[in-house]
C-alpha atoms as a PDB file:
ATOM      1  CA  MET A   1      95.276 -14.413 -72.464  1.00  0.00           C
ATOM      2  CA  ASN A   2      91.643 -13.298 -72.518  1.00  0.00           C
ATOM      3  CA  GLN A   3      90.939  -9.607 -72.906  1.00  0.00           C
ATOM      4  CA  PRO A   4      89.269  -8.209 -69.758  1.00  0.00           C
ATOM      5  CA  LEU A   5      85.532  -7.836 -70.124  1.00  0.00           C
ATOM      6  CA  PHE A   6      85.226  -4.995 -67.594  1.00  0.00           C
ATOM      7  CA  HIS A   7      87.351  -2.172 -66.243  1.00  0.00           C
ATOM      8  CA  PRO A   8      86.954  -0.014 -63.096  1.00  0.00           C
ATOM      9  CA  SER A   9      85.497   3.452 -63.510  1.00  0.00           C
ATOM     10  CA  LEU A  10      83.998   6.077 -61.214  1.00  0.00           C
ATOM     11  CA  GLU A  11      80.988   8.368 -61.318  1.00  0.00           C
ATOM     12  CA  CYS A  12      82.199  11.764 -60.169  1.00  0.00           C
ATOM     13  CA  VAL A  13      79.081  13.795 -59.443  1.00  0.00           C
ATOM     14  CA  GLN A  14      79.767  13.431 -55.706  1.00  0.00           C
ATOM     15  CA  HIS A  15      83.213  14.921 -56.368  1.00  0.00           C
ATOM     16  CA  GLY A  16      81.780  18.126 -57.770  1.00  0.00           C
ATOM     17  CA  GLY A  17      84.031  20.215 -55.521  1.00  0.00           C
ATOM     18  CA  LYS A  18      87.028  19.217 -57.653  1.00  0.00           C
ATOM     19  CA  THR A  19      87.954  20.935 -60.907  1.00  0.00           C
ATOM     20  CA  LEU A  20      88.114  18.841 -64.067  1.00  0.00           C
ATOM     21  CA  ASP A  21      91.883  18.517 -63.779  1.00  0.00           C
ATOM     22  CA  ASP A  22      91.666  17.712 -60.060  1.00  0.00           C
ATOM     23  CA  VAL A  23      89.060  15.000 -60.503  1.00  0.00           C
ATOM     24  CA  LEU A  24      90.894  13.373 -63.406  1.00  0.00           C
ATOM     25  CA  ALA A  25      94.165  13.341 -61.451  1.00  0.00           C
ATOM     26  CA  TYR A  26      92.352  11.807 -58.474  1.00  0.00           C
ATOM     27  CA  VAL A  27      90.573   9.145 -60.565  1.00  0.00           C
ATOM     28  CA  LYS A  28      93.834   8.168 -62.236  1.00  0.00           C
ATOM     29  CA  ARG A  29      95.655   7.961 -58.904  1.00  0.00           C
ATOM     30  CA  ILE A  30      93.147   5.557 -57.349  1.00  0.00           C
ATOM     31  CA  GLY A  31      93.400   3.140 -60.287  1.00  0.00           C
ATOM     32  CA  CYS A  32      90.489   3.848 -62.617  1.00  0.00           C
ATOM     33  CA  VAL A  33      90.747   3.030 -66.316  1.00  0.00           C
ATOM     34  CA  GLY A  34      87.836   5.299 -67.183  1.00  0.00           C
ATOM     35  CA  VAL A  35      85.783   8.076 -65.662  1.00  0.00           C
ATOM     36  CA  GLN A  36      82.134   9.126 -65.679  1.00  0.00           C
ATOM     37  CA  LEU A  37      82.275  12.889 -65.369  1.00  0.00           C
ATOM     38  CA  SER A  38      79.449  15.029 -64.049  1.00  0.00           C
ATOM     39  CA  ASN A  39      77.965  17.674 -66.315  1.00  0.00           C
ATOM     40  CA  PHE A  40      79.152  20.174 -63.671  1.00  0.00           C
ATOM     41  CA  HIS A  41      82.799  19.242 -64.321  1.00  0.00           C
ATOM     42  CA  LEU A  42      82.348  20.287 -67.931  1.00  0.00           C
ATOM     43  CA  LEU A  43      81.272  23.856 -67.212  1.00  0.00           C
ATOM     44  CA  LYS A  44      83.477  26.911 -67.663  1.00  0.00           C
ATOM     45  CA  SER A  45      83.406  29.743 -65.135  1.00  0.00           C
ATOM     46  CA  ASN A  46      80.766  31.558 -67.205  1.00  0.00           C
ATOM     47  CA  GLY A  47      78.381  28.590 -66.975  1.00  0.00           C
ATOM     48  CA  GLU A  48      78.850  27.498 -70.589  1.00  0.00           C
ATOM     49  CA  PHE A  49      80.063  24.030 -71.520  1.00  0.00           C
ATOM     50  CA  MET A  50      83.714  23.490 -72.382  1.00  0.00           C
ATOM     51  CA  ASP A  51      84.849  22.768 -75.911  1.00  0.00           C
ATOM     52  CA  ALA A  52      85.102  19.083 -76.750  1.00  0.00           C
ATOM     53  CA  GLU A  53      88.768  19.525 -77.712  1.00  0.00           C
ATOM     54  CA  ASP A  54      89.640  20.759 -74.229  1.00  0.00           C
ATOM     55  CA  VAL A  55      87.820  17.900 -72.527  1.00  0.00           C
ATOM     56  CA  SER A  56      89.475  15.346 -74.806  1.00  0.00           C
ATOM     57  CA  ALA A  57      92.893  16.863 -74.132  1.00  0.00           C
ATOM     58  CA  ALA A  58      92.318  16.598 -70.376  1.00  0.00           C
ATOM     59  CA  LEU A  59      91.310  12.946 -70.666  1.00  0.00           C
ATOM     60  CA  THR A  60      94.327  12.209 -72.868  1.00  0.00           C
ATOM     61  CA  LYS A  61      96.636  13.918 -70.378  1.00  0.00           C
ATOM     62  CA  TYR A  62      95.672  11.341 -67.740  1.00  0.00           C
ATOM     63  CA  GLY A  63      95.162   8.395 -70.085  1.00  0.00           C
ATOM     64  CA  LEU A  64      91.503   7.939 -69.108  1.00  0.00           C
ATOM     65  CA  ARG A  65      88.512   6.746 -71.099  1.00  0.00           C
ATOM     66  CA  LEU A  66      85.273   8.706 -70.965  1.00  0.00           C
ATOM     67  CA  ASP A  67      82.674   6.260 -69.613  1.00  0.00           C
ATOM     68  CA  GLY A  68      79.635   8.495 -69.820  1.00  0.00           C
ATOM     69  CA  ILE A  69      78.583  11.916 -68.592  1.00  0.00           C
ATOM     70  CA  SER A  70      76.466  11.774 -65.446  1.00  0.00           C
ATOM     71  CA  ALA A  71      73.609  14.227 -65.995  1.00  0.00           C
ATOM     72  CA  HIS A  72      71.185  13.091 -63.300  1.00  0.00           C
ATOM     73  CA  CYS A  73      70.762  16.501 -61.646  1.00  0.00           C
ATOM     74  CA  LEU A  74      70.202  18.351 -64.922  1.00  0.00           C
ATOM     75  CA  PHE A  75      67.596  16.004 -66.387  1.00  0.00           C
ATOM     76  CA  TRP A  76      65.856  15.539 -63.035  1.00  0.00           C
ATOM     77  CA  SER A  77      65.501  19.300 -62.634  1.00  0.00           C
ATOM     78  CA  HIS A  78      63.809  19.527 -66.027  1.00  0.00           C
ATOM     79  CA  GLY A  79      61.193  17.014 -64.912  1.00  0.00           C
ATOM     80  CA  ALA A  80      60.835  18.450 -61.422  1.00  0.00           C
ATOM     81  CA  ALA A  81      60.429  22.069 -62.534  1.00  0.00           C
ATOM     82  CA  GLY A  82      56.688  21.766 -63.071  1.00  0.00           C
ATOM     83  CA  THR A  83      56.153  20.584 -59.495  1.00  0.00           C
ATOM     84  CA  GLY A  84      57.486  23.838 -58.053  1.00  0.00           C
ATOM     85  CA  THR A  85      59.838  21.982 -55.722  1.00  0.00           C
ATOM     86  CA  PRO A  86      62.638  24.124 -54.239  1.00  0.00           C
ATOM     87  CA  SER A  87      65.018  21.166 -54.652  1.00  0.00           C
ATOM     88  CA  VAL A  88      65.901  22.316 -58.167  1.00  0.00           C
ATOM     89  CA  SER A  89      67.489  25.466 -56.701  1.00  0.00           C
ATOM     90  CA  LYS A  90      70.619  23.407 -55.926  1.00  0.00           C
ATOM     91  CA  PHE A  91      71.186  22.568 -59.575  1.00  0.00           C
ATOM     92  CA  VAL A  92      70.312  25.727 -61.529  1.00  0.00           C
ATOM     93  CA  PRO A  93      71.645  29.311 -61.330  1.00  0.00           C
ATOM     94  CA  SER A  94      69.901  31.513 -58.769  1.00  0.00           C
ATOM     95  CA  ASP A  95      68.536  33.890 -61.397  1.00  0.00           C
ATOM     96  CA  VAL A  96      67.043  30.973 -63.316  1.00  0.00           C
ATOM     97  CA  TYR A  97      65.375  29.634 -60.176  1.00  0.00           C
ATOM     98  CA  ALA A  98      64.011  33.102 -59.371  1.00  0.00           C
ATOM     99  CA  GLY A  99      62.348  33.121 -62.795  1.00  0.00           C
ATOM    100  CA  GLY A 100      59.907  30.400 -61.741  1.00  0.00           C
ATOM    101  CA  SER A 101      59.061  26.901 -62.956  1.00  0.00           C
ATOM    102  CA  ALA A 102      58.693  27.778 -66.638  1.00  0.00           C
ATOM    103  CA  ARG A 103      62.115  29.416 -66.646  1.00  0.00           C
ATOM    104  CA  VAL A 104      63.718  26.439 -64.914  1.00  0.00           C
ATOM    105  CA  GLU A 105      62.153  24.055 -67.412  1.00  0.00           C
ATOM    106  CA  SER A 106      63.259  26.023 -70.481  1.00  0.00           C
ATOM    107  CA  TRP A 107      66.784  26.593 -69.131  1.00  0.00           C
ATOM    108  CA  THR A 108      67.352  22.958 -68.216  1.00  0.00           C
ATOM    109  CA  GLU A 109      65.992  21.822 -71.576  1.00  0.00           C
ATOM    110  CA  ASP A 110      68.495  24.076 -73.337  1.00  0.00           C
ATOM    111  CA  LYS A 111      71.372  22.803 -71.164  1.00  0.00           C
ATOM    112  CA  CYS A 112      70.386  19.164 -71.757  1.00  0.00           C
ATOM    113  CA  LEU A 113      70.440  19.806 -75.505  1.00  0.00           C
ATOM    114  CA  GLU A 114      73.834  21.510 -75.260  1.00  0.00           C
ATOM    115  CA  LEU A 115      75.170  18.617 -73.195  1.00  0.00           C
ATOM    116  CA  MET A 116      74.016  16.126 -75.813  1.00  0.00           C
ATOM    117  CA  ASP A 117      75.832  18.126 -78.483  1.00  0.00           C
ATOM    118  CA  LEU A 118      79.023  18.005 -76.410  1.00  0.00           C
ATOM    119  CA  SER A 119      78.555  14.318 -75.676  1.00  0.00           C
ATOM    120  CA  GLU A 120      78.246  13.539 -79.375  1.00  0.00           C
ATOM    121  CA  GLU A 121      81.411  15.533 -80.140  1.00  0.00           C
ATOM    122  CA  LEU A 122      83.205  13.502 -77.468  1.00  0.00           C
ATOM    123  CA  GLU A 123      81.929  10.297 -79.105  1.00  0.00           C
ATOM    124  CA  ASN A 124      80.113   9.369 -75.917  1.00  0.00           C
ATOM    125  CA  TYR A 125      76.699   7.911 -76.674  1.00  0.00           C
ATOM    126  CA  VAL A 126      75.451   6.806 -73.253  1.00  0.00           C
ATOM    127  CA  ILE A 127      74.324   9.474 -70.788  1.00  0.00           C
ATOM    128  CA  PRO A 128      73.452   8.083 -67.331  1.00  0.00           C
ATOM    129  CA  MET A 129      70.671  10.212 -65.854  1.00  0.00           C
ATOM    130  CA  PHE A 130      67.218   9.994 -64.396  1.00  0.00           C
ATOM    131  CA  TRP A 131      64.007  11.518 -65.600  1.00  0.00           C
ATOM    132  CA  GLY A 132      62.335  13.829 -63.117  1.00  0.00           C
ATOM    133  CA  PRO A 133      58.872  13.417 -61.569  1.00  0.00           C
ATOM    134  CA  TYR A 134      56.821  14.610 -64.545  1.00  0.00           C
ATOM    135  CA  GLN A 135      53.861  12.742 -63.007  1.00  0.00           C
ATOM    136  CA  GLY A 136      53.946  15.048 -59.972  1.00  0.00           C
ATOM    137  CA  LEU A 137      55.316  14.584 -56.489  1.00  0.00           C
ATOM    138  CA  GLU A 138      52.142  12.891 -55.230  1.00  0.00           C
ATOM    139  CA  VAL A 139      52.450  10.067 -57.726  1.00  0.00           C
ATOM    140  CA  ALA A 140      56.257   9.895 -57.424  1.00  0.00           C
ATOM    141  CA  SER A 141      55.863   9.347 -53.656  1.00  0.00           C
ATOM    142  CA  CYS A 142      54.464   5.904 -54.600  1.00  0.00           C
ATOM    143  CA  TYR A 143      51.392   6.308 -52.417  1.00  0.00           C
ATOM    144  CA  PRO A 144      48.323   5.371 -54.537  1.00  0.00           C
ATOM    145  CA  TRP A 145      47.040   8.914 -55.026  1.00  0.00           C
ATOM    146  CA  GLY A 146      45.642   7.797 -58.361  1.00  0.00           C
ATOM    147  CA  MET A 147      42.843   5.956 -56.561  1.00  0.00           C
ATOM    148  CA  TRP A 148      40.914   9.225 -56.202  1.00  0.00           C
ATOM    149  CA  ASP A 149      38.633  10.566 -58.886  1.00  0.00           C
ATOM    150  CA  VAL A 150      39.857  14.167 -59.117  1.00  0.00           C
ATOM    151  CA  PRO A 151      38.797  16.921 -61.545  1.00  0.00           C
ATOM    152  CA  ALA A 152      42.165  16.750 -63.297  1.00  0.00           C
ATOM    153  CA  GLY A 153      41.558  13.094 -64.167  1.00  0.00           C
ATOM    154  CA  ASN A 154      43.591  10.017 -63.331  1.00  0.00           C
ATOM    155  CA  LEU A 155      46.814  11.417 -61.869  1.00  0.00           C
ATOM    156  CA  VAL A 156      48.902   8.409 -62.848  1.00  0.00           C
ATOM    157  CA  GLU A 157      47.647   8.211 -66.427  1.00  0.00           C
ATOM    158  CA  GLN A 158      47.849  11.973 -66.889  1.00  0.00           C
ATOM    159  CA  GLY A 159      51.392  11.900 -65.522  1.00  0.00           C
ATOM    160  CA  PHE A 160      52.692   9.383 -68.023  1.00  0.00           C
ATOM    161  CA  LEU A 161      51.115  11.343 -70.884  1.00  0.00           C
ATOM    162  CA  ARG A 162      52.772  14.497 -69.512  1.00  0.00           C
ATOM    163  CA  PHE A 163      56.094  12.679 -69.529  1.00  0.00           C
ATOM    164  CA  ALA A 164      55.721  11.866 -73.213  1.00  0.00           C
ATOM    165  CA  GLU A 165      54.822  15.470 -74.023  1.00  0.00           C
ATOM    166  CA  LYS A 166      57.435  17.212 -71.893  1.00  0.00           C
ATOM    167  CA  THR A 167      60.364  15.015 -72.950  1.00  0.00           C
ATOM    168  CA  GLN A 168      59.631  14.957 -76.681  1.00  0.00           C
ATOM    169  CA  VAL A 169      62.254  17.572 -77.595  1.00  0.00           C
ATOM    170  CA  LEU A 170      64.929  15.874 -75.488  1.00  0.00           C
ATOM    171  CA  ARG A 171      64.135  12.418 -76.806  1.00  0.00           C
ATOM    172  CA  ASP A 172      64.121  13.597 -80.408  1.00  0.00           C
ATOM    173  CA  ALA A 173      67.511  15.221 -79.899  1.00  0.00           C
ATOM    174  CA  ALA A 174      68.936  12.049 -78.345  1.00  0.00           C
ATOM    175  CA  CYS A 175      67.607   9.905 -81.179  1.00  0.00           C
ATOM    176  CA  ASP A 176      69.052  12.278 -83.776  1.00  0.00           C
ATOM    177  CA  ARG A 177      72.478  12.015 -82.143  1.00  0.00           C
ATOM    178  CA  GLY A 178      72.372   8.263 -81.473  1.00  0.00           C
ATOM    179  CA  ILE A 179      72.467   8.792 -77.707  1.00  0.00           C
ATOM    180  CA  SER A 180      70.986   6.479 -75.097  1.00  0.00           C
ATOM    181  CA  LEU A 181      69.459   8.409 -72.195  1.00  0.00           C
ATOM    182  CA  ALA A 182      70.039   5.786 -69.505  1.00  0.00           C
ATOM    183  CA  HIS A 183      67.437   6.292 -66.767  1.00  0.00           C
ATOM    184  CA  GLU A 184      68.490   5.158 -63.314  1.00  0.00           C
ATOM    185  CA  ILE A 185      65.354   3.570 -61.861  1.00  0.00           C
ATOM    186  CA  HIS A 186      65.139   5.420 -58.592  1.00  0.00           C
ATOM    187  CA  PRO A 187      62.699   6.800 -55.994  1.00  0.00           C
ATOM    188  CA  GLY A 188      61.394  10.278 -56.764  1.00  0.00           C
ATOM    189  CA  THR A 189      61.776   9.984 -60.539  1.00  0.00           C
ATOM    190  CA  ALA A 190      59.551   9.214 -63.525  1.00  0.00           C
ATOM    191  CA  ALA A 191      60.146   5.469 -63.067  1.00  0.00           C
ATOM    192  CA  VAL A 192      60.777   3.940 -59.640  1.00  0.00           C
ATOM    193  CA  CYS A 193      60.525   0.285 -60.683  1.00  0.00           C
ATOM    194  CA  ALA A 194      60.783  -1.874 -63.804  1.00  0.00           C
ATOM    195  CA  GLU A 195      57.040  -1.683 -64.482  1.00  0.00           C
ATOM    196  CA  ASP A 196      57.152   2.127 -64.434  1.00  0.00           C
ATOM    197  CA  PHE A 197      60.036   2.197 -66.904  1.00  0.00           C
ATOM    198  CA  LEU A 198      58.222  -0.119 -69.299  1.00  0.00           C
ATOM    199  CA  ARG A 199      55.249   2.268 -69.151  1.00  0.00           C
ATOM    200  CA  LEU A 200      57.549   5.116 -70.172  1.00  0.00           C
ATOM    201  CA  VAL A 201      58.694   3.051 -73.134  1.00  0.00           C
ATOM    202  CA  ASP A 202      55.111   2.242 -74.078  1.00  0.00           C
ATOM    203  CA  VAL A 203      53.786   5.800 -73.826  1.00  0.00           C
ATOM    204  CA  CYS A 204      56.727   6.987 -75.979  1.00  0.00           C
ATOM    205  CA  ASP A 205      56.132   4.363 -78.694  1.00  0.00           C
ATOM    206  CA  ASN A 206      59.305   2.395 -77.947  1.00  0.00           C
ATOM    207  CA  ASP A 207      61.589   5.373 -78.490  1.00  0.00           C
ATOM    208  CA  ASP A 208      65.127   4.108 -79.225  1.00  0.00           C
ATOM    209  CA  CYS A 209      66.833   6.569 -76.862  1.00  0.00           C
ATOM    210  CA  LEU A 210      65.096   5.242 -73.730  1.00  0.00           C
ATOM    211  CA  GLY A 211      67.716   3.233 -71.881  1.00  0.00           C
ATOM    212  CA  VAL A 212      68.388   2.098 -68.316  1.00  0.00           C
ATOM    213  CA  ASN A 213      71.385   2.751 -66.105  1.00  0.00           C
ATOM    214  CA  ALA A 214      71.498  -0.270 -63.799  1.00  0.00           C
ATOM    215  CA  ASP A 215      72.182   0.316 -60.095  1.00  0.00           C
ATOM    216  CA  PRO A 216      71.444  -2.480 -57.605  1.00  0.00           C
ATOM    217  CA  SER A 217      71.492  -0.213 -54.551  1.00  0.00           C
ATOM    218  CA  HIS A 218      68.081   1.264 -55.375  1.00  0.00           C
ATOM    219  CA  CYS A 219      66.343  -2.118 -55.259  1.00  0.00           C
ATOM    220  CA  TRP A 220      65.241  -1.982 -51.633  1.00  0.00           C
ATOM    221  CA  ALA A 221      61.470  -1.610 -51.871  1.00  0.00           C
ATOM    222  CA  GLY A 222      60.241  -5.063 -52.846  1.00  0.00           C
ATOM    223  CA  GLU A 223      61.910  -5.481 -56.253  1.00  0.00           C
ATOM    224  CA  ASP A 224      65.349  -7.107 -56.079  1.00  0.00           C
ATOM    225  CA  PHE A 225      67.984  -6.368 -58.700  1.00  0.00           C
ATOM    226  CA  GLU A 226      67.608  -9.793 -60.307  1.00  0.00           C
ATOM    227  CA  THR A 227      63.903  -9.151 -60.950  1.00  0.00           C
ATOM    228  CA  ARG A 228      64.295  -5.512 -61.991  1.00  0.00           C
ATOM    229  CA  PHE A 229      67.141  -5.849 -64.444  1.00  0.00           C
ATOM    230  CA  THR A 230      65.876  -9.071 -65.955  1.00  0.00           C
ATOM    231  CA  ARG A 231      62.601  -7.298 -66.801  1.00  0.00           C
ATOM    232  CA  VAL A 232      64.296  -4.266 -68.369  1.00  0.00           C
ATOM    233  CA  GLY A 233      67.444  -6.092 -69.459  1.00  0.00           C
ATOM    234  CA  LYS A 234      67.304  -5.221 -73.143  1.00  0.00           C
ATOM    235  CA  TYR A 235      67.320  -1.502 -72.269  1.00  0.00           C
ATOM    236  CA  VAL A 236      70.384  -1.528 -69.975  1.00  0.00           C
ATOM    237  CA  THR A 237      73.131   0.593 -71.533  1.00  0.00           C
ATOM    238  CA  GLY A 238      74.869   1.797 -68.365  1.00  0.00           C
ATOM    239  CA  CYS A 239      76.005   0.141 -65.146  1.00  0.00           C
ATOM    240  CA  HIS A 240      76.728   1.565 -61.706  1.00  0.00           C
ATOM    241  CA  VAL A 241      78.070  -0.570 -58.881  1.00  0.00           C
ATOM    242  CA  LYS A 242      76.920   0.404 -55.403  1.00  0.00           C
ATOM    243  CA  ASP A 243      76.050  -1.454 -52.202  1.00  0.00           C
ATOM    244  CA  MET A 244      73.459  -0.842 -49.499  1.00  0.00           C
ATOM    245  CA  LEU A 245      71.811  -2.309 -46.425  1.00  0.00           C
ATOM    246  CA  ARG A 246      68.521  -1.850 -44.626  1.00  0.00           C
ATOM    247  CA  ILE A 247      68.855  -1.074 -40.913  1.00  0.00           C
ATOM    248  CA  PRO A 248      66.616  -3.358 -38.830  1.00  0.00           C
ATOM    249  CA  GLY A 249      63.942  -1.491 -36.904  1.00  0.00           C
ATOM    250  CA  ARG A 250      64.087   1.667 -39.016  1.00  0.00           C
ATOM    251  CA  SER A 251      61.376   2.699 -41.423  1.00  0.00           C
ATOM    252  CA  LEU A 252      62.425   3.032 -45.049  1.00  0.00           C
ATOM    253  CA  LEU A 253      59.851   5.809 -45.435  1.00  0.00           C
ATOM    254  CA  SER A 254      60.753   7.996 -42.470  1.00  0.00           C
ATOM    255  CA  MET A 255      61.080  11.721 -43.281  1.00  0.00           C
ATOM    256  CA  GLN A 256      64.597  11.790 -41.874  1.00  0.00           C
ATOM    257  CA  ASP A 257      66.991  14.670 -42.624  1.00  0.00           C
ATOM    258  CA  ASP A 258      69.942  13.121 -40.741  1.00  0.00           C
ATOM    259  CA  TRP A 259      71.558  10.840 -43.314  1.00  0.00           C
ATOM    260  CA  GLN A 260      73.076   8.591 -40.633  1.00  0.00           C
ATOM    261  CA  LYS A 261      69.606   7.804 -39.275  1.00  0.00           C
ATOM    262  CA  ARG A 262      67.970   6.753 -42.531  1.00  0.00           C
ATOM    263  CA  GLY A 263      66.474   3.296 -42.757  1.00  0.00           C
ATOM    264  CA  MET A 264      68.426   2.444 -45.915  1.00  0.00           C
ATOM    265  CA  GLN A 265      72.153   3.176 -45.941  1.00  0.00           C
ATOM    266  CA  PHE A 266      74.581   3.091 -48.838  1.00  0.00           C
ATOM    267  CA  THR A 267      77.783   1.306 -47.812  1.00  0.00           C
ATOM    268  CA  ARG A 268      81.272   0.678 -49.034  1.00  0.00           C
ATOM    269  CA  LEU A 269      81.284  -2.088 -51.646  1.00  0.00           C
ATOM    270  CA  GLY A 270      81.130  -5.535 -50.100  1.00  0.00           C
ATOM    271  CA  GLU A 271      79.846  -4.272 -46.748  1.00  0.00           C
ATOM    272  CA  GLY A 272      76.140  -4.201 -47.563  1.00  0.00           C
ATOM    273  CA  GLU A 273      73.538  -6.846 -48.271  1.00  0.00           C
ATOM    274  CA  LEU A 274      73.979  -7.117 -52.041  1.00  0.00           C
ATOM    275  CA  ASN A 275      75.740  -9.945 -53.865  1.00  0.00           C
ATOM    276  CA  LEU A 276      77.710  -7.740 -56.232  1.00  0.00           C
ATOM    277  CA  SER A 277      79.382 -10.677 -57.962  1.00  0.00           C
ATOM    278  CA  ARG A 278      75.965 -12.005 -58.965  1.00  0.00           C
ATOM    279  CA  TYR A 279      74.946  -8.509 -60.025  1.00  0.00           C
ATOM    280  CA  VAL A 280      77.865  -8.353 -62.460  1.00  0.00           C
ATOM    281  CA  GLN A 281      77.035 -11.842 -63.716  1.00  0.00           C
ATOM    282  CA  LEU A 282      73.492 -10.636 -64.348  1.00  0.00           C
ATOM    283  CA  MET A 283      74.871  -7.736 -66.385  1.00  0.00           C
ATOM    284  CA  ILE A 284      76.573 -10.333 -68.595  1.00  0.00           C
ATOM    285  CA  ASP A 285      73.394 -12.431 -68.784  1.00  0.00           C
ATOM    286  CA  ILE A 286      71.260  -9.520 -70.002  1.00  0.00           C
ATOM    287  CA  GLY A 287      73.839  -8.408 -72.574  1.00  0.00           C
ATOM    288  CA  TYR A 288      75.051  -5.146 -71.061  1.00  0.00           C
ATOM    289  CA  PRO A 289      78.659  -5.444 -72.362  1.00  0.00           C
ATOM    290  CA  LYS A 290      77.582  -6.057 -75.954  1.00  0.00           C
ATOM    291  CA  ARG A 291      74.929  -3.340 -75.815  1.00  0.00           C
ATOM    292  CA  TYR A 292      77.345  -0.766 -74.380  1.00  0.00           C
ATOM    293  CA  ARG A 293      79.809  -1.508 -77.167  1.00  0.00           C
ATOM    294  CA  ILE A 294      77.126  -1.185 -79.852  1.00  0.00           C
ATOM    295  CA  TRP A 295      75.931   2.206 -78.602  1.00  0.00           C
ATOM    296  CA  ASN A 296      79.486   3.520 -78.330  1.00  0.00           C
ATOM    297  CA  GLN A 297      80.696   1.888 -81.548  1.00  0.00           C
ATOM    298  CA  LEU A 298      83.416  -0.136 -79.833  1.00  0.00           C
ATOM    299  CA  ASP A 299      84.879  -3.408 -81.097  1.00  0.00           C
ATOM    300  CA  ASP A 300      84.785  -6.609 -79.060  1.00  0.00           C
ATOM    301  CA  SER A 301      88.339  -6.139 -77.790  1.00  0.00           C
ATOM    302  CA  LYS A 302      87.340  -3.104 -75.721  1.00  0.00           C
ATOM    303  CA  SER A 303      86.425  -3.609 -72.084  1.00  0.00           C
ATOM    304  CA  VAL A 304      83.301  -1.912 -70.753  1.00  0.00           C
ATOM    305  CA  PRO A 305      82.948   0.046 -67.503  1.00  0.00           C
ATOM    306  CA  LEU A 306      81.763  -1.025 -64.108  1.00  0.00           C
ATOM    307  CA  VAL A 307      81.195   2.409 -62.631  1.00  0.00           C
ATOM    308  CA  GLY A 308      81.645   2.771 -58.897  1.00  0.00           C
ATOM    309  CA  GLU A 309      79.587   5.376 -57.096  1.00  0.00           C
ATOM    310  CA  ALA A 310      80.811   6.409 -53.676  1.00  0.00           C
ATOM    311  CA  GLU A 311      78.149   7.147 -51.099  1.00  0.00           C
ATOM    312  CA  SER A 312      78.452   6.375 -47.409  1.00  0.00           C
ATOM    313  CA  ALA A 313      77.096   7.971 -44.255  1.00  0.00           C
ATOM    314  CA  TYR A 314      80.174   7.029 -42.241  1.00  0.00           C
ATOM    315  CA  TYR A 315      83.341   7.085 -44.346  1.00  0.00           C
ATOM    316  CA  GLN A 316      85.198   9.946 -45.995  1.00  0.00           C
ATOM    317  CA  LEU A 317      84.160  10.391 -49.630  1.00  0.00           C
ATOM    318  CA  ASP A 318      87.546  10.118 -51.358  1.00  0.00           C
ATOM    319  CA  ALA A 319      88.382   7.007 -49.333  1.00  0.00           C
ATOM    320  CA  VAL A 320      85.048   5.414 -50.268  1.00  0.00           C
ATOM    321  CA  SER A 321      85.709   6.038 -53.960  1.00  0.00           C
ATOM    322  CA  GLU A 322      89.212   4.588 -53.714  1.00  0.00           C
ATOM    323  CA  HIS A 323      87.852   1.537 -51.904  1.00  0.00           C
ATOM    324  CA  ALA A 324      85.161   1.114 -54.604  1.00  0.00           C
ATOM    325  CA  THR A 325      87.725   1.263 -57.403  1.00  0.00           C
ATOM    326  CA  GLN A 326      89.948  -1.327 -55.767  1.00  0.00           C
ATOM    327  CA  TYR A 327      86.981  -3.581 -54.981  1.00  0.00           C
ATOM    328  CA  ILE A 328      85.766  -3.476 -58.581  1.00  0.00           C
ATOM    329  CA  ALA A 329      89.262  -4.137 -59.943  1.00  0.00           C
ATOM    330  CA  ASN A 330      90.036  -6.985 -57.543  1.00  0.00           C
ATOM    331  CA  HIS A 331      86.659  -8.709 -57.206  1.00  0.00           C
ATOM    332  CA  LEU A 332      84.479  -7.839 -60.193  1.00  0.00           C
ATOM    333  CA  CYS A 333      86.857  -7.484 -63.159  1.00  0.00           C
ATOM    334  CA  PRO A 334      88.862 -10.754 -63.206  1.00  0.00           C
ATOM    335  CA  ALA A 335      88.859 -12.808 -66.383  1.00  0.00           C
ATOM    336  CA  PHE A 336      85.487 -14.368 -67.165  1.00  0.00           C
ATOM    337  CA  ALA A 337      85.035 -17.825 -68.676  1.00  0.00           C
ATOM    338  CA  THR A 338      84.853 -18.080 -72.460  1.00  0.00           C
ATOM    339  CA  GLN A 339      84.040 -21.798 -72.512  1.00  0.00           C
ATOM    340  CA  SER A 340      82.318 -24.351 -70.290  1.00  0.00           C
ATOM    341  CA  PHE A 341      84.330 -25.755 -67.379  1.00  0.00           C
ATOM    342  CA  GLU A 342      83.315 -29.221 -68.692  1.00  0.00           C
ATOM    343  CA  LYS A 343      84.972 -28.783 -72.111  1.00  0.00           C
ATOM    344  CA  GLU A 344      88.281 -30.453 -71.226  1.00  0.00           C
ATOM    345  CA  MET A 345      86.715 -33.375 -69.344  1.00  0.00           C
ATOM    346  CA  GLY A 346      87.751 -36.691 -70.887  1.00  0.00           C
ATOM    347  CA  ASN A 347      90.574 -35.266 -73.001  1.00  0.00           C
END
């Protein structure tokens, strides 16, 4: 019998209200083989990271594999600090936020470095995350602000150079530890499309740590997932599975604070507009399973994660995550062909 290529896993940042033990018990109960913990689940009450031995013991207790540490909020806050946005106040201690942008940037840099140390001790070498808007919020809005000749120079060009400068310490640390920082191409970040990500790679001289965390649900602004992940395929080291749909008659750009009225809605898996089976096939085509194993030093007998991410404007969060896990297990993880269907013809 063929070894399974994939196994169901779950990103748990949305389950930040649960303790580490609570979230692991929940993930095990709903049928996950692995788990992608949030950096917040790994914090002690004093705000310091747990010891690797304690995290490993908790995972062993529930028989779960560690399929990455989701550090989106932490890395994004580092990149957003320089913009002065109040959004970072949700992800850093109040006294750090009160210290101003420079304090937020230095604190988040330190925590990212500490997290990479912990990740290495846990033998986890892929960190799904996204880089913050180092280019500034004007450029990250995707309106062509760079068309103006301003005293500061070309805002787009200056922004990419700022990215290279501001992330140097983090990238060096990741390279030293053999960690892939898997950027989730996403609105409001340093790369919102495949072309942007390739510019990051170019401005950083093809830095080895620059990876991509694939997620098809963010491909709703003119670049479908087939196009995006084919272009950046050789950088994909992480894989989320999420579905979405665009509501007819609603603007995708509306400044809407009611999540149920947004023009793009995340859905339960299989209820949106994405062909998730083809998405998983594309992950095979671009070499994600092999690449994930190489980064994490796994042999070919080990399955690799398809990481569900539960977001829905209409259904209860725990139920959405359970549905995602079952959908991945039942529809996206069956045995894949190891030979052509034509091989036995004529025998």
